[in-house]
C-alpha atoms as a PDB file:
ATOM      1  CA  MET A   1     -21.273 109.984 -39.496  1.00  0.00           C
ATOM      2  CA  ARG A   2     -24.752 110.423 -38.143  1.00  0.00           C
ATOM      3  CA  SER A   3     -24.209 114.098 -37.522  1.00  0.00           C
ATOM      4  CA  SER A   4     -23.143 114.665 -41.143  1.00  0.00           C
ATOM      5  CA  PHE A   5     -25.359 112.220 -43.017  1.00  0.00           C
ATOM      6  CA  ALA A   6     -28.762 110.911 -42.046  1.00  0.00           C
ATOM      7  CA  PRO A   7     -28.944 107.173 -42.799  1.00  0.00           C
ATOM      8  CA  GLY A   8     -31.929 107.717 -45.106  1.00  0.00           C
ATOM      9  CA  ASP A   9     -30.345 110.602 -47.055  1.00  0.00           C
ATOM     10  CA  LYS A  10     -29.650 108.649 -50.253  1.00  0.00           C
ATOM     11  CA  VAL A  11     -28.482 111.699 -52.227  1.00  0.00           C
ATOM     12  CA  ARG A  12     -25.701 112.521 -49.765  1.00  0.00           C
ATOM     13  CA  TRP A  13     -24.669 108.898 -49.286  1.00  0.00           C
ATOM     14  CA  SER A  14     -24.531 108.264 -53.033  1.00  0.00           C
ATOM     15  CA  SER A  15     -22.311 111.335 -53.463  1.00  0.00           C
ATOM     16  CA  LEU A  16     -19.708 109.589 -51.292  1.00  0.00           C
ATOM     17  CA  SER A  17     -19.462 106.915 -53.960  1.00  0.00           C
ATOM     18  CA  ARG A  18     -18.119 109.425 -56.492  1.00  0.00           C
ATOM     19  CA  TRP A  19     -15.387 111.306 -54.618  1.00  0.00           C
ATOM     20  CA  GLY A  20     -11.804 110.634 -55.744  1.00  0.00           C
ATOM     21  CA  LEU A  21     -10.643 109.650 -52.250  1.00  0.00           C
ATOM     22  CA  LEU A  22     -12.877 108.940 -49.281  1.00  0.00           C
ATOM     23  CA  VAL A  23     -11.622 108.751 -45.691  1.00  0.00           C
ATOM     24  CA  LEU A  24     -14.027 107.252 -43.161  1.00  0.00           C
ATOM     25  CA  ASP A  25     -12.618 108.143 -39.741  1.00  0.00           C
ATOM     26  CA  GLU A  26     -13.527 106.344 -36.522  1.00  0.00           C
ATOM     27  CA  VAL A  27     -15.791 103.780 -38.180  1.00  0.00           C
ATOM     28  CA  GLY A  28     -17.528 101.809 -35.499  1.00  0.00           C
ATOM     29  CA  LEU A  29     -18.234 104.580 -33.020  1.00  0.00           C
ATOM     30  CA  ASP A  30     -21.610 105.414 -34.552  1.00  0.00           C
ATOM     31  CA  VAL A  31     -22.460 101.921 -35.720  1.00  0.00           C
ATOM     32  CA  ASN A  32     -21.470  99.731 -32.788  1.00  0.00           C
ATOM     33  CA  HIS A  33     -24.973  99.721 -31.303  1.00  0.00           C
ATOM     34  CA  ASP A  34     -28.067  97.632 -31.944  1.00  0.00           C
ATOM     35  CA  ASP A  35     -30.549 100.465 -32.482  1.00  0.00           C
ATOM     36  CA  SER A  36     -32.308 100.962 -35.822  1.00  0.00           C
ATOM     37  CA  GLU A  37     -30.360 104.134 -36.690  1.00  0.00           C
ATOM     38  CA  SER A  38     -27.065 102.275 -36.262  1.00  0.00           C
ATOM     39  CA  MET A  39     -28.324  99.482 -38.499  1.00  0.00           C
ATOM     40  CA  LYS A  40     -29.256 102.000 -41.202  1.00  0.00           C
ATOM     41  CA  THR A  41     -25.868 103.690 -40.885  1.00  0.00           C
ATOM     42  CA  ARG A  42     -24.074 100.341 -41.143  1.00  0.00           C
ATOM     43  CA  LYS A  43     -26.005  99.438 -44.279  1.00  0.00           C
ATOM     44  CA  ALA A  44     -25.250 102.826 -45.821  1.00  0.00           C
ATOM     45  CA  ILE A  45     -21.518 102.491 -45.107  1.00  0.00           C
ATOM     46  CA  VAL A  46     -21.431  98.994 -46.584  1.00  0.00           C
ATOM     47  CA  GLU A  47     -23.217 100.234 -49.713  1.00  0.00           C
ATOM     48  CA  VAL A  48     -20.813 103.177 -50.164  1.00  0.00           C
ATOM     49  CA  VAL A  49     -17.763 100.947 -49.696  1.00  0.00           C
ATOM     50  CA  ARG A  50     -19.210  98.367 -52.126  1.00  0.00           C
ATOM     51  CA  ARG A  51     -19.839 100.997 -54.799  1.00  0.00           C
ATOM     52  CA  ARG A  52     -16.368 102.470 -54.353  1.00  0.00           C
ATOM     53  CA  TYR A  53     -14.796  99.018 -54.536  1.00  0.00           C
ATOM     54  CA  GLU A  54     -16.630  98.226 -57.755  1.00  0.00           C
ATOM     55  CA  ALA A  55     -15.575 101.593 -59.213  1.00  0.00           C
ATOM     56  CA  GLN A  56     -11.974 100.938 -58.045  1.00  0.00           C
ATOM     57  CA  LEU A  57     -11.914 104.171 -56.031  1.00  0.00           C
ATOM     58  CA  PRO A  58      -9.592 104.459 -53.012  1.00  0.00           C
ATOM     59  CA  THR A  59     -11.143 104.393 -49.551  1.00  0.00           C
ATOM     60  CA  ILE A  60      -9.327 104.739 -46.235  1.00  0.00           C
ATOM     61  CA  ILE A  61     -11.099 103.486 -43.123  1.00  0.00           C
ATOM     62  CA  THR A  62      -9.797 104.135 -39.605  1.00  0.00           C
ATOM     63  CA  THR A  63     -11.126 102.622 -36.401  1.00  0.00           C
ATOM     64  CA  ASN A  64     -10.033 101.739 -32.883  1.00  0.00           C
ATOM     65  CA  PHE A  65     -12.042  98.517 -32.988  1.00  0.00           C
ATOM     66  CA  SER A  66     -10.436  95.173 -33.819  1.00  0.00           C
ATOM     67  CA  PHE A  67     -11.408  93.473 -37.051  1.00  0.00           C
ATOM     68  CA  ASP A  68     -13.160  90.733 -35.064  1.00  0.00           C
ATOM     69  CA  SER A  69     -15.148  93.302 -33.108  1.00  0.00           C
ATOM     70  CA  LEU A  70     -16.335  95.039 -36.288  1.00  0.00           C
ATOM     71  CA  ASN A  71     -17.029  91.714 -37.981  1.00  0.00           C
ATOM     72  CA  ARG A  72     -19.386  90.656 -35.163  1.00  0.00           C
ATOM     73  CA  ASN A  73     -21.485  93.765 -35.680  1.00  0.00           C
END
């Protein structure tokens, strides 16, 4: 995700909230660290998923991490 969208690029991130179907592949690889960029990326992903949920838009998320592992971070 970092290579495609900078965490502070609000225009690009907000555009993800409007697509008909969004697939977030390998969630956790870029955000499973404690650095400030990972924190910004995590917050951006949460915001996009929240907006899509509220708009009742489908979102597919794939990851190799367990739910517990993602929940801790």
